[in-house]
């Protein structure tokens, strides 16, 4: 995780944004007492949104937990994909 001030961010914006996108760093820009901004890559943001959606309902959470448990216990389900 990277942290900086707004002034320092302005001085070297490209470098900070390159670190965020290429190294999947999270950047926190402090803007004063108890305020700030968090910058993450688009890929990281999309991953967070997908996870939030997957866990948005109890049914989805149950299915995910069951799938994880099945993988851990060595149970497998193989399905053949059909080309269309």
PDB file of N, CA and C in Angstrom:
ATOM      1  N   UNK A   1       0.848  -1.162   0.000  1.00  0.00           N
ATOM      2  CA  UNK A   1       0.000   0.000   0.000  1.00  0.00           C
ATOM      3  C   UNK A   1       0.900   1.232   0.000  1.00  0.00           C
ATOM      4  N   UNK A   2       0.579   2.157  -0.869  1.00  0.00           N
ATOM      5  CA  UNK A   2       1.310   3.417  -0.962  1.00  0.00           C
ATOM      6  C   UNK A   2       0.489   4.521  -0.319  1.00  0.00           C
ATOM      7  N   UNK A   3       1.161   5.437   0.327  1.00  0.00           N
ATOM      8  CA  UNK A   3       0.477   6.621   0.853  1.00  0.00           C
ATOM      9  C   UNK A   3       1.259   7.852   0.444  1.00  0.00           C
ATOM     10  N   UNK A   4       0.536   8.921   0.204  1.00  0.00           N
ATOM     11  CA  UNK A   4       1.171  10.185  -0.171  1.00  0.00           C
ATOM     12  C   UNK A   4       0.232  11.337   0.166  1.00  0.00           C
ATOM     13  N   UNK A   5       0.755  12.529   0.005  1.00  0.00           N
ATOM     14  CA  UNK A   5      -0.081  13.726   0.153  1.00  0.00           C
ATOM     15  C   UNK A   5      -0.536  14.157  -1.232  1.00  0.00           C
ATOM     16  N   UNK A   6      -1.510  15.006  -1.267  1.00  0.00           N
ATOM     17  CA  UNK A   6      -2.002  15.513  -2.536  1.00  0.00           C
ATOM     18  C   UNK A   6      -0.906  16.270  -3.285  1.00  0.00           C
ATOM     19  N   UNK A   7      -0.109  17.044  -2.561  1.00  0.00           N
ATOM     20  CA  UNK A   7       0.980  17.796  -3.187  1.00  0.00           C
ATOM     21  C   UNK A   7       2.001  16.879  -3.835  1.00  0.00           C
ATOM     22  N   UNK A   8       2.401  15.819  -3.120  1.00  0.00           N
ATOM     23  CA  UNK A   8       3.367  14.867  -3.668  1.00  0.00           C
ATOM     24  C   UNK A   8       2.770  14.097  -4.847  1.00  0.00           C
ATOM     25  N   UNK A   9       1.505  13.759  -4.762  1.00  0.00           N
ATOM     26  CA  UNK A   9       0.831  13.068  -5.860  1.00  0.00           C
ATOM     27  C   UNK A   9       0.857  13.917  -7.131  1.00  0.00           C
ATOM     28  N   UNK A  10       0.577  15.191  -6.997  1.00  0.00           N
ATOM     29  CA  UNK A  10       0.594  16.098  -8.149  1.00  0.00           C
ATOM     30  C   UNK A  10       1.965  16.146  -8.817  1.00  0.00           C
ATOM     31  N   UNK A  11       3.031  16.117  -8.014  1.00  0.00           N
ATOM     32  CA  UNK A  11       4.394  16.215  -8.535  1.00  0.00           C
ATOM     33  C   UNK A  11       4.775  15.017  -9.398  1.00  0.00           C
ATOM     34  N   UNK A  12       4.260  13.831  -9.041  1.00  0.00           N
ATOM     35  CA  UNK A  12       4.686  12.609  -9.734  1.00  0.00           C
ATOM     36  C   UNK A  12       3.493  11.699 -10.018  1.00  0.00           C
ATOM     37  N   UNK A  13       2.435  12.281 -10.544  1.00  0.00           N
ATOM     38  CA  UNK A  13       1.189  11.562 -10.777  1.00  0.00           C
ATOM     39  C   UNK A  13       1.385  10.307 -11.631  1.00  0.00           C
ATOM     40  N   UNK A  14       2.124  10.417 -12.718  1.00  0.00           N
ATOM     41  CA  UNK A  14       2.305   9.285 -13.624  1.00  0.00           C
ATOM     42  C   UNK A  14       2.953   8.099 -12.911  1.00  0.00           C
ATOM     43  N   UNK A  15       3.970   8.356 -12.139  1.00  0.00           N
ATOM     44  CA  UNK A  15       4.661   7.286 -11.418  1.00  0.00           C
ATOM     45  C   UNK A  15       3.722   6.592 -10.427  1.00  0.00           C
ATOM     46  N   UNK A  16       2.958   7.368  -9.698  1.00  0.00           N
ATOM     47  CA  UNK A  16       2.010   6.789  -8.746  1.00  0.00           C
ATOM     48  C   UNK A  16       0.973   5.930  -9.471  1.00  0.00           C
ATOM     49  N   UNK A  17       0.427   6.454 -10.556  1.00  0.00           N
ATOM     50  CA  UNK A  17      -0.596   5.702 -11.287  1.00  0.00           C
ATOM     51  C   UNK A  17      -0.012   4.454 -11.948  1.00  0.00           C
ATOM     52  N   UNK A  18       1.233   4.532 -12.403  1.00  0.00           N
ATOM     53  CA  UNK A  18       1.898   3.354 -12.955  1.00  0.00           C
ATOM     54  C   UNK A  18       2.042   2.268 -11.892  1.00  0.00           C
ATOM     55  N   UNK A  19       2.418   2.667 -10.675  1.00  0.00           N
ATOM     56  CA  UNK A  19       2.524   1.684  -9.581  1.00  0.00           C
ATOM     57  C   UNK A  19       1.181   1.031  -9.285  1.00  0.00           C
ATOM     58  N   UNK A  20       0.133   1.806  -9.316  1.00  0.00           N
ATOM     59  CA  UNK A  20      -1.201   1.273  -9.041  1.00  0.00           C
ATOM     60  C   UNK A  20      -1.609   0.267 -10.110  1.00  0.00           C
ATOM     61  N   UNK A  21      -1.400   0.611 -11.370  1.00  0.00           N
ATOM     62  CA  UNK A  21      -1.877  -0.259 -12.441  1.00  0.00           C
ATOM     63  C   UNK A  21      -0.954  -1.429 -12.730  1.00  0.00           C
ATOM     64  N   UNK A  22       0.347  -1.240 -12.604  1.00  0.00           N
ATOM     65  CA  UNK A  22       1.279  -2.307 -12.956  1.00  0.00           C
ATOM     66  C   UNK A  22       1.594  -3.246 -11.797  1.00  0.00           C
ATOM     67  N   UNK A  23       1.590  -2.731 -10.592  1.00  0.00           N
ATOM     68  CA  UNK A  23       1.962  -3.542  -9.425  1.00  0.00           C
ATOM     69  C   UNK A  23       0.777  -3.853  -8.523  1.00  0.00           C
ATOM     70  N   UNK A  24      -0.415  -3.475  -8.956  1.00  0.00           N
ATOM     71  CA  UNK A  24      -1.635  -3.696  -8.178  1.00  0.00           C
ATOM     72  C   UNK A  24      -1.518  -3.111  -6.774  1.00  0.00           C
ATOM     73  N   UNK A  25      -0.819  -1.983  -6.679  1.00  0.00           N
ATOM     74  CA  UNK A  25      -0.703  -1.276  -5.406  1.00  0.00           C
ATOM     75  C   UNK A  25      -1.991  -0.503  -5.145  1.00  0.00           C
ATOM     76  N   UNK A  26      -2.291  -0.301  -3.893  1.00  0.00           N
ATOM     77  CA  UNK A  26      -3.372   0.584  -3.483  1.00  0.00           C
ATOM     78  C   UNK A  26      -2.717   1.894  -3.053  1.00  0.00           C
ATOM     79  N   UNK A  27      -3.233   2.989  -3.543  1.00  0.00           N
ATOM     80  CA  UNK A  27      -2.678   4.297  -3.225  1.00  0.00           C
ATOM     81  C   UNK A  27      -3.665   5.086  -2.378  1.00  0.00           C
ATOM     82  N   UNK A  28      -3.194   5.569  -1.249  1.00  0.00           N
ATOM     83  CA  UNK A  28      -4.009   6.424  -0.386  1.00  0.00           C
ATOM     84  C   UNK A  28      -3.425   7.824  -0.428  1.00  0.00           C
ATOM     85  N   UNK A  29      -4.248   8.774  -0.804  1.00  0.00           N
ATOM     86  CA  UNK A  29      -3.827  10.177  -0.828  1.00  0.00           C
ATOM     87  C   UNK A  29      -4.479  10.858   0.371  1.00  0.00           C
ATOM     88  N   UNK A  30      -3.648  11.249   1.321  1.00  0.00           N
ATOM     89  CA  UNK A  30      -4.151  11.934   2.513  1.00  0.00           C
ATOM     90  C   UNK A  30      -4.521  13.365   2.157  1.00  0.00           C
ATOM     91  N   UNK A  31      -5.692  13.789   2.625  1.00  0.00           N
ATOM     92  CA  UNK A  31      -6.169  15.134   2.309  1.00  0.00           C
ATOM     93  C   UNK A  31      -6.459  15.943   3.564  1.00  0.00           C
ATOM     94  N   UNK A  32      -5.854  15.585   4.644  1.00  0.00           N
ATOM     95  CA  UNK A  32      -6.088  16.326   5.879  1.00  0.00           C
ATOM     96  C   UNK A  32      -6.570  15.392   6.960  1.00  0.00           C
ATOM     97  N   UNK A  33      -7.044  15.977   8.024  1.00  0.00           N
ATOM     98  CA  UNK A  33      -7.462  15.206   9.191  1.00  0.00           C
ATOM     99  C   UNK A  33      -8.604  14.240   8.848  1.00  0.00           C
ATOM    100  N   UNK A  34      -8.311  12.964   8.945  1.00  0.00           N
ATOM    101  CA  UNK A  34      -9.299  11.893   8.752  1.00  0.00           C
ATOM    102  C   UNK A  34      -9.999  11.911   7.393  1.00  0.00           C
ATOM    103  N   UNK A  35      -9.363  12.479   6.372  1.00  0.00           N
ATOM    104  CA  UNK A  35      -9.945  12.426   5.042  1.00  0.00           C
ATOM    105  C   UNK A  35      -8.877  11.954   4.066  1.00  0.00           C
ATOM    106  N   UNK A  36      -9.335  11.364   2.999  1.00  0.00           N
ATOM    107  CA  UNK A  36      -8.399  10.900   1.988  1.00  0.00           C
ATOM    108  C   UNK A  36      -9.127  10.261   0.831  1.00  0.00           C
ATOM    109  N   UNK A  37      -8.329   9.831  -0.112  1.00  0.00           N
ATOM    110  CA  UNK A  37      -8.841   9.208  -1.325  1.00  0.00           C
ATOM    111  C   UNK A  37      -8.049   7.922  -1.545  1.00  0.00           C
ATOM    112  N   UNK A  38      -8.736   6.873  -1.969  1.00  0.00           N
ATOM    113  CA  UNK A  38      -8.076   5.617  -2.285  1.00  0.00           C
ATOM    114  C   UNK A  38      -8.145   5.412  -3.793  1.00  0.00           C
ATOM    115  N   UNK A  39      -7.000   5.079  -4.393  1.00  0.00           N
ATOM    116  CA  UNK A  39      -6.944   4.800  -5.825  1.00  0.00           C
ATOM    117  C   UNK A  39      -6.514   3.351  -5.997  1.00  0.00           C
ATOM    118  N   UNK A  40      -7.305   2.605  -6.779  1.00  0.00           N
ATOM    119  CA  UNK A  40      -6.973   1.218  -7.110  1.00  0.00           C
ATOM    120  C   UNK A  40      -7.088   1.058  -8.624  1.00  0.00           C
ATOM    121  N   UNK A  41      -6.496   0.003  -9.140  1.00  0.00           N
ATOM    122  CA  UNK A  41      -6.567  -0.240 -10.579  1.00  0.00           C
ATOM    123  C   UNK A  41      -7.983  -0.649 -10.975  1.00  0.00           C
ATOM    124  N   UNK A  42      -8.286  -0.485 -12.250  1.00  0.00           N
ATOM    125  CA  UNK A  42      -9.587  -0.899 -12.761  1.00  0.00           C
ATOM    126  C   UNK A  42      -9.782  -2.398 -12.580  1.00  0.00           C
ATOM    127  N   UNK A  43      -8.735  -3.171 -12.790  1.00  0.00           N
ATOM    128  CA  UNK A  43      -8.824  -4.629 -12.622  1.00  0.00           C
ATOM    129  C   UNK A  43      -9.175  -4.985 -11.177  1.00  0.00           C
ATOM    130  N   UNK A  44      -8.546  -4.315 -10.225  1.00  0.00           N
ATOM    131  CA  UNK A  44      -8.837  -4.561  -8.806  1.00  0.00           C
ATOM    132  C   UNK A  44     -10.266  -4.137  -8.472  1.00  0.00           C
ATOM    133  N   UNK A  45     -10.691  -3.002  -8.996  1.00  0.00           N
ATOM    134  CA  UNK A  45     -12.059  -2.528  -8.778  1.00  0.00           C
ATOM    135  C   UNK A  45     -13.073  -3.541  -9.310  1.00  0.00           C
ATOM    136  N   UNK A  46     -12.861  -4.012 -10.538  1.00  0.00           N
ATOM    137  CA  UNK A  46     -13.781  -4.992 -11.121  1.00  0.00           C
ATOM    138  C   UNK A  46     -13.827  -6.269 -10.299  1.00  0.00           C
ATOM    139  N   UNK A  47     -12.686  -6.685  -9.776  1.00  0.00           N
ATOM    140  CA  UNK A  47     -12.638  -7.868  -8.927  1.00  0.00           C
ATOM    141  C   UNK A  47     -13.455  -7.661  -7.649  1.00  0.00           C
ATOM    142  N   UNK A  48     -13.323  -6.496  -7.037  1.00  0.00           N
ATOM    143  CA  UNK A  48     -14.093  -6.189  -5.831  1.00  0.00           C
ATOM    144  C   UNK A  48     -15.600  -6.176  -6.100  1.00  0.00           C
ATOM    145  N   UNK A  49     -15.987  -5.587  -7.231  1.00  0.00           N
ATOM    146  CA  UNK A  49     -17.412  -5.528  -7.581  1.00  0.00           C
ATOM    147  C   UNK A  49     -17.958  -6.927  -7.833  1.00  0.00           C
ATOM    148  N   UNK A  50     -17.176  -7.762  -8.505  1.00  0.00           N
ATOM    149  CA  UNK A  50     -17.601  -9.143  -8.767  1.00  0.00           C
ATOM    150  C   UNK A  50     -17.765  -9.905  -7.464  1.00  0.00           C
ATOM    151  N   UNK A  51     -16.811  -9.749  -6.565  1.00  0.00           N
ATOM    152  CA  UNK A  51     -16.901 -10.421  -5.264  1.00  0.00           C
ATOM    153  C   UNK A  51     -18.115  -9.932  -4.493  1.00  0.00           C
ATOM    154  N   UNK A  52     -18.342  -8.635  -4.521  1.00  0.00           N
ATOM    155  CA  UNK A  52     -19.511  -8.079  -3.829  1.00  0.00           C
ATOM    156  C   UNK A  52     -20.799  -8.676  -4.389  1.00  0.00           C
ATOM    157  N   UNK A  53     -20.873  -8.799  -5.708  1.00  0.00           N
ATOM    158  CA  UNK A  53     -22.065  -9.382  -6.328  1.00  0.00           C
ATOM    159  C   UNK A  53     -22.227 -10.844  -5.921  1.00  0.00           C
ATOM    160  N   UNK A  54     -21.129 -11.586  -5.958  1.00  0.00           N
ATOM    161  CA  UNK A  54     -21.194 -13.012  -5.617  1.00  0.00           C
ATOM    162  C   UNK A  54     -21.644 -13.218  -4.178  1.00  0.00           C
ATOM    163  N   UNK A  55     -21.309 -12.306  -3.309  1.00  0.00           N
ATOM    164  CA  UNK A  55     -21.664 -12.446  -1.898  1.00  0.00           C
ATOM    165  C   UNK A  55     -22.887 -11.619  -1.513  1.00  0.00           C
ATOM    166  N   UNK A  56     -23.603 -11.101  -2.507  1.00  0.00           N
ATOM    167  CA  UNK A  56     -24.720 -10.196  -2.226  1.00  0.00           C
ATOM    168  C   UNK A  56     -25.971 -10.901  -1.718  1.00  0.00           C
ATOM    169  N   UNK A  57     -26.060 -12.196  -1.922  1.00  0.00           N
ATOM    170  CA  UNK A  57     -27.223 -12.911  -1.403  1.00  0.00           C
ATOM    171  C   UNK A  57     -26.753 -14.129  -0.626  1.00  0.00           C
ATOM    172  N   UNK A  58     -27.554 -14.542   0.299  1.00  0.00           N
ATOM    173  CA  UNK A  58     -27.227 -15.707   1.137  1.00  0.00           C
ATOM    174  C   UNK A  58     -27.109 -16.968   0.281  1.00  0.00           C
ATOM    175  N   UNK A  59     -27.925 -17.094  -0.750  1.00  0.00           N
ATOM    176  CA  UNK A  59     -27.868 -18.269  -1.625  1.00  0.00           C
ATOM    177  C   UNK A  59     -26.528 -18.328  -2.349  1.00  0.00           C
ATOM    178  N   UNK A  60     -26.090 -17.190  -2.889  1.00  0.00           N
ATOM    179  CA  UNK A  60     -24.789 -17.165  -3.554  1.00  0.00           C
ATOM    180  C   UNK A  60     -23.660 -17.501  -2.583  1.00  0.00           C
ATOM    181  N   UNK A  61     -23.740 -16.982  -1.369  1.00  0.00           N
ATOM    182  CA  UNK A  61     -22.725 -17.280  -0.364  1.00  0.00           C
ATOM    183  C   UNK A  61     -22.680 -18.773  -0.059  1.00  0.00           C
ATOM    184  N   UNK A  62     -23.854 -19.379   0.083  1.00  0.00           N
ATOM    185  CA  UNK A  62     -23.932 -20.818   0.366  1.00  0.00           C
ATOM    186  C   UNK A  62     -23.322 -21.635  -0.765  1.00  0.00           C
ATOM    187  N   UNK A  63     -23.664 -21.300  -1.997  1.00  0.00           N
ATOM    188  CA  UNK A  63     -23.126 -22.038  -3.145  1.00  0.00           C
ATOM    189  C   UNK A  63     -21.609 -21.929  -3.205  1.00  0.00           C
ATOM    190  N   UNK A  64     -21.102 -20.732  -2.972  1.00  0.00           N
ATOM    191  CA  UNK A  64     -19.663 -20.532  -2.985  1.00  0.00           C
ATOM    192  C   UNK A  64     -18.991 -21.330  -1.869  1.00  0.00           C
ATOM    193  N   UNK A  65     -19.544 -21.273  -0.662  1.00  0.00           N
ATOM    194  CA  UNK A  65     -18.996 -22.042   0.460  1.00  0.00           C
ATOM    195  C   UNK A  65     -19.016 -23.538   0.174  1.00  0.00           C
ATOM    196  N   UNK A  66     -20.109 -24.027  -0.411  1.00  0.00           N
ATOM    197  CA  UNK A  66     -20.210 -25.446  -0.748  1.00  0.00           C
ATOM    198  C   UNK A  66     -19.181 -25.846  -1.804  1.00  0.00           C
ATOM    199  N   UNK A  67     -18.977 -24.990  -2.777  1.00  0.00           N
ATOM    200  CA  UNK A  67     -17.995 -25.277  -3.830  1.00  0.00           C
ATOM    201  C   UNK A  67     -16.583 -25.315  -3.267  1.00  0.00           C
ATOM    202  N   UNK A  68     -16.273 -24.376  -2.396  1.00  0.00           N
ATOM    203  CA  UNK A  68     -14.946 -24.346  -1.775  1.00  0.00           C
ATOM    204  C   UNK A  68     -14.736 -25.597  -0.946  1.00  0.00           C
ATOM    205  N   UNK A  69     -15.726 -25.979  -0.175  1.00  0.00           N
ATOM    206  CA  UNK A  69     -15.626 -27.182   0.654  1.00  0.00           C
ATOM    207  C   UNK A  69     -15.471 -28.432  -0.204  1.00  0.00           C
ATOM    208  N   UNK A  70     -16.191 -28.506  -1.310  1.00  0.00           N
ATOM    209  CA  UNK A  70     -16.073 -29.662  -2.206  1.00  0.00           C
ATOM    210  C   UNK A  70     -14.659 -29.752  -2.780  1.00  0.00           C
ATOM    211  N   UNK A  71     -14.083 -28.640  -3.167  1.00  0.00           N
ATOM    212  CA  UNK A  71     -12.719 -28.640  -3.688  1.00  0.00           C
ATOM    213  C   UNK A  71     -11.718 -29.059  -2.616  1.00  0.00           C
ATOM    214  N   UNK A  72     -11.900 -28.553  -1.419  1.00  0.00           N
ATOM    215  CA  UNK A  72     -10.977 -28.892  -0.328  1.00  0.00           C
ATOM    216  C   UNK A  72     -11.048 -30.373   0.046  1.00  0.00           C
ATOM    217  N   UNK A  73     -12.223 -30.953  -0.047  1.00  0.00           N
ATOM    218  CA  UNK A  73     -12.382 -32.356   0.335  1.00  0.00           C
ATOM    219  C   UNK A  73     -12.070 -33.313  -0.812  1.00  0.00           C
ATOM    220  N   UNK A  74     -11.690 -32.758  -1.957  1.00  0.00           N
ATOM    221  CA  UNK A  74     -11.286 -33.605  -3.077  1.00  0.00           C
ATOM    222  C   UNK A  74     -12.421 -34.033  -3.991  1.00  0.00           C
ATOM    223  N   UNK A  75     -13.609 -33.574  -3.723  1.00  0.00           N
ATOM    224  CA  UNK A  75     -14.739 -33.896  -4.600  1.00  0.00           C
ATOM    225  C   UNK A  75     -14.632 -33.066  -5.869  1.00  0.00           C
ATOM    226  N   UNK A  76     -14.894 -33.702  -6.982  1.00  0.00           N
ATOM    227  CA  UNK A  76     -14.825 -32.987  -8.253  1.00  0.00           C
ATOM    228  C   UNK A  76     -16.081 -33.247  -9.056  1.00  0.00           C
ATOM    229  N   UNK A  77     -16.448 -32.275  -9.837  1.00  0.00           N
ATOM    230  CA  UNK A  77     -17.557 -32.448 -10.769  1.00  0.00           C
ATOM    231  C   UNK A  77     -17.017 -32.019 -12.133  1.00  0.00           C
ATOM    232  N   UNK A  78     -17.045 -32.927 -13.073  1.00  0.00           N
ATOM    233  CA  UNK A  78     -16.562 -32.627 -14.398  1.00  0.00           C
ATOM    234  C   UNK A  78     -17.747 -32.541 -15.342  1.00  0.00           C
ATOM    235  N   UNK A  79     -17.811 -31.439 -16.067  1.00  0.00           N
ATOM    236  CA  UNK A  79     -18.886 -31.235 -17.033  1.00  0.00           C
ATOM    237  C   UNK A  79     -18.268 -30.997 -18.390  1.00  0.00           C
ATOM    238  N   UNK A  80     -18.881 -31.567 -19.396  1.00  0.00           N
ATOM    239  CA  UNK A  80     -18.397 -31.372 -20.741  1.00  0.00           C
ATOM    240  C   UNK A  80     -19.067 -30.117 -21.306  1.00  0.00           C
ATOM    241  N   UNK A  81     -18.270 -29.238 -21.902  1.00  0.00           N
ATOM    242  CA  UNK A  81     -18.801 -28.044 -22.528  1.00  0.00           C
ATOM    243  C   UNK A  81     -19.209 -28.350 -23.949  1.00  0.00           C
ATOM    244  N   UNK A  82     -20.314 -27.815 -24.334  1.00  0.00           N
ATOM    245  CA  UNK A  82     -20.833 -28.044 -25.679  1.00  0.00           C
ATOM    246  C   UNK A  82     -20.543 -26.824 -26.535  1.00  0.00           C
ATOM    247  N   UNK A  83     -19.900 -27.054 -27.684  1.00  0.00           N
ATOM    248  CA  UNK A  83     -19.645 -25.951 -28.619  1.00  0.00           C
ATOM    249  C   UNK A  83     -20.927 -25.597 -29.339  1.00  0.00           C
ATOM    250  N   UNK A  84     -21.133 -24.314 -29.524  1.00  0.00           N
ATOM    251  CA  UNK A  84     -22.339 -23.883 -30.251  1.00  0.00           C
ATOM    252  C   UNK A  84     -21.973 -23.124 -31.480  1.00  0.00           C
TER     253      UNK A  84
END
